[in-house]
N, C-alpha and C. Protein backbone atom coordinates (compact mmCIF):
# COMPACT_ATOMS: atom_id res chain seq x y z
N MET A 1 8.64 2.64 3.40
CA MET A 1 10.06 2.89 3.58
C MET A 1 10.71 3.18 2.23
N ILE A 2 10.33 4.28 1.63
CA ILE A 2 10.91 4.65 0.34
C ILE A 2 12.37 5.07 0.50
N LYS A 3 12.73 5.56 1.69
CA LYS A 3 14.12 6.04 1.88
C LYS A 3 15.13 4.91 1.76
N ARG A 4 14.76 3.70 2.16
CA ARG A 4 15.66 2.56 2.00
C ARG A 4 15.45 1.99 0.61
N ASN A 5 16.43 2.13 -0.20
CA ASN A 5 16.30 1.70 -1.59
C ASN A 5 17.20 0.50 -1.84
N TYR A 6 16.61 -0.66 -1.99
CA TYR A 6 17.37 -1.88 -2.27
C TYR A 6 17.30 -2.26 -3.74
N ALA A 7 16.69 -1.42 -4.55
CA ALA A 7 16.56 -1.72 -5.97
C ALA A 7 17.90 -1.50 -6.67
N LYS A 8 18.16 -2.33 -7.64
CA LYS A 8 19.42 -2.23 -8.38
C LYS A 8 19.26 -1.50 -9.71
N SER A 9 18.02 -1.23 -10.10
CA SER A 9 17.78 -0.52 -11.35
C SER A 9 16.55 0.38 -11.19
N PHE A 10 16.35 1.23 -12.17
CA PHE A 10 15.19 2.11 -12.12
C PHE A 10 13.90 1.30 -12.23
N ASN A 11 13.92 0.25 -13.03
CA ASN A 11 12.72 -0.61 -13.15
C ASN A 11 12.38 -1.27 -11.81
N GLY A 12 13.40 -1.69 -11.08
CA GLY A 12 13.17 -2.28 -9.77
C GLY A 12 12.59 -1.27 -8.80
N LEU A 13 13.11 -0.05 -8.82
CA LEU A 13 12.61 1.00 -7.94
C LEU A 13 11.17 1.35 -8.28
N SER A 14 10.88 1.51 -9.56
CA SER A 14 9.52 1.87 -9.95
C SER A 14 8.53 0.75 -9.62
N THR A 15 8.96 -0.50 -9.75
CA THR A 15 8.10 -1.63 -9.38
C THR A 15 7.79 -1.61 -7.90
N ARG A 16 8.78 -1.33 -7.06
CA ARG A 16 8.56 -1.29 -5.62
C ARG A 16 7.61 -0.16 -5.24
N VAL A 17 7.78 1.01 -5.83
CA VAL A 17 6.92 2.15 -5.52
C VAL A 17 5.49 1.87 -5.95
N ILE A 18 5.32 1.35 -7.15
CA ILE A 18 3.97 1.07 -7.65
C ILE A 18 3.28 -0.01 -6.82
N SER A 19 4.04 -1.03 -6.39
CA SER A 19 3.42 -2.08 -5.58
C SER A 19 3.00 -1.56 -4.21
N LYS A 20 3.77 -0.65 -3.63
CA LYS A 20 3.39 -0.07 -2.33
C LYS A 20 2.13 0.78 -2.47
N ILE A 21 2.06 1.56 -3.53
CA ILE A 21 0.87 2.40 -3.75
C ILE A 21 -0.36 1.52 -4.00
N ALA A 22 -0.19 0.45 -4.76
CA ALA A 22 -1.32 -0.45 -5.03
C ALA A 22 -1.79 -1.14 -3.76
N ALA A 23 -0.87 -1.53 -2.88
CA ALA A 23 -1.24 -2.19 -1.63
C ALA A 23 -2.06 -1.26 -0.75
N VAL A 24 -1.64 -0.01 -0.64
CA VAL A 24 -2.38 0.95 0.18
C VAL A 24 -3.77 1.19 -0.42
N THR A 25 -3.85 1.27 -1.74
CA THR A 25 -5.13 1.49 -2.39
C THR A 25 -6.09 0.33 -2.14
N VAL A 26 -5.60 -0.90 -2.19
CA VAL A 26 -6.45 -2.07 -1.93
C VAL A 26 -6.95 -2.05 -0.49
N LEU A 27 -6.09 -1.73 0.46
CA LEU A 27 -6.52 -1.67 1.86
C LEU A 27 -7.56 -0.57 2.07
N GLN A 28 -7.40 0.57 1.40
CA GLN A 28 -8.40 1.62 1.51
C GLN A 28 -9.73 1.18 0.91
N MET A 29 -9.69 0.42 -0.17
CA MET A 29 -10.93 -0.07 -0.78
C MET A 29 -11.63 -1.05 0.14
N ILE A 30 -10.87 -1.92 0.80
CA ILE A 30 -11.45 -2.87 1.75
C ILE A 30 -12.14 -2.11 2.88
N ASN A 31 -11.50 -1.06 3.38
CA ASN A 31 -12.12 -0.26 4.44
C ASN A 31 -13.39 0.41 3.95
N LYS A 32 -13.38 0.93 2.74
CA LYS A 32 -14.56 1.61 2.21
C LYS A 32 -15.73 0.63 2.06
N ILE A 33 -15.44 -0.57 1.58
CA ILE A 33 -16.49 -1.58 1.40
C ILE A 33 -17.08 -1.97 2.75
N ASN A 34 -16.25 -2.05 3.79
CA ASN A 34 -16.72 -2.45 5.11
C ASN A 34 -17.27 -1.29 5.94
N GLY A 35 -17.29 -0.09 5.38
CA GLY A 35 -17.87 1.05 6.07
C GLY A 35 -17.00 1.62 7.17
N LYS A 36 -15.71 1.44 7.06
CA LYS A 36 -14.77 1.98 8.05
C LYS A 36 -14.05 3.17 7.45
N PRO A 37 -13.42 4.02 8.28
CA PRO A 37 -12.64 5.13 7.73
C PRO A 37 -11.50 4.61 6.86
N ILE A 38 -11.31 5.21 5.69
CA ILE A 38 -10.36 4.66 4.74
C ILE A 38 -8.91 4.85 5.16
N ASN A 39 -8.65 5.78 6.08
CA ASN A 39 -7.26 6.02 6.48
C ASN A 39 -6.75 5.05 7.55
N HIS A 40 -7.60 4.21 8.08
CA HIS A 40 -7.17 3.24 9.10
C HIS A 40 -6.74 1.94 8.43
N ILE A 41 -5.65 2.02 7.65
CA ILE A 41 -5.25 0.88 6.85
C ILE A 41 -4.58 -0.21 7.66
N LYS A 42 -4.09 0.10 8.86
CA LYS A 42 -3.46 -0.93 9.68
C LYS A 42 -4.48 -1.95 10.17
N HIS A 43 -5.73 -1.54 10.28
CA HIS A 43 -6.77 -2.41 10.81
C HIS A 43 -7.73 -2.87 9.73
N ALA A 44 -7.34 -2.77 8.47
CA ALA A 44 -8.26 -3.09 7.36
C ALA A 44 -8.64 -4.55 7.34
N LEU A 45 -7.71 -5.43 7.67
CA LEU A 45 -7.98 -6.87 7.59
C LEU A 45 -8.40 -7.47 8.91
N ALA A 46 -8.45 -6.67 9.96
CA ALA A 46 -8.87 -7.17 11.28
C ALA A 46 -10.38 -7.40 11.27
N ALA A 47 -10.81 -8.33 12.05
CA ALA A 47 -12.22 -8.68 12.08
C ALA A 47 -13.06 -7.67 12.75
């Protein structure tokens, strides 16, 4: 939800964007390690 911006400064905005990108990257890595398609990030932590 990048369109909703609750950041009060540029540093806050950049921190939010970087954290979202990092979270998606970690979920894709989990999928790759488990041999699942990397784009199914909603189910990355499911058993």
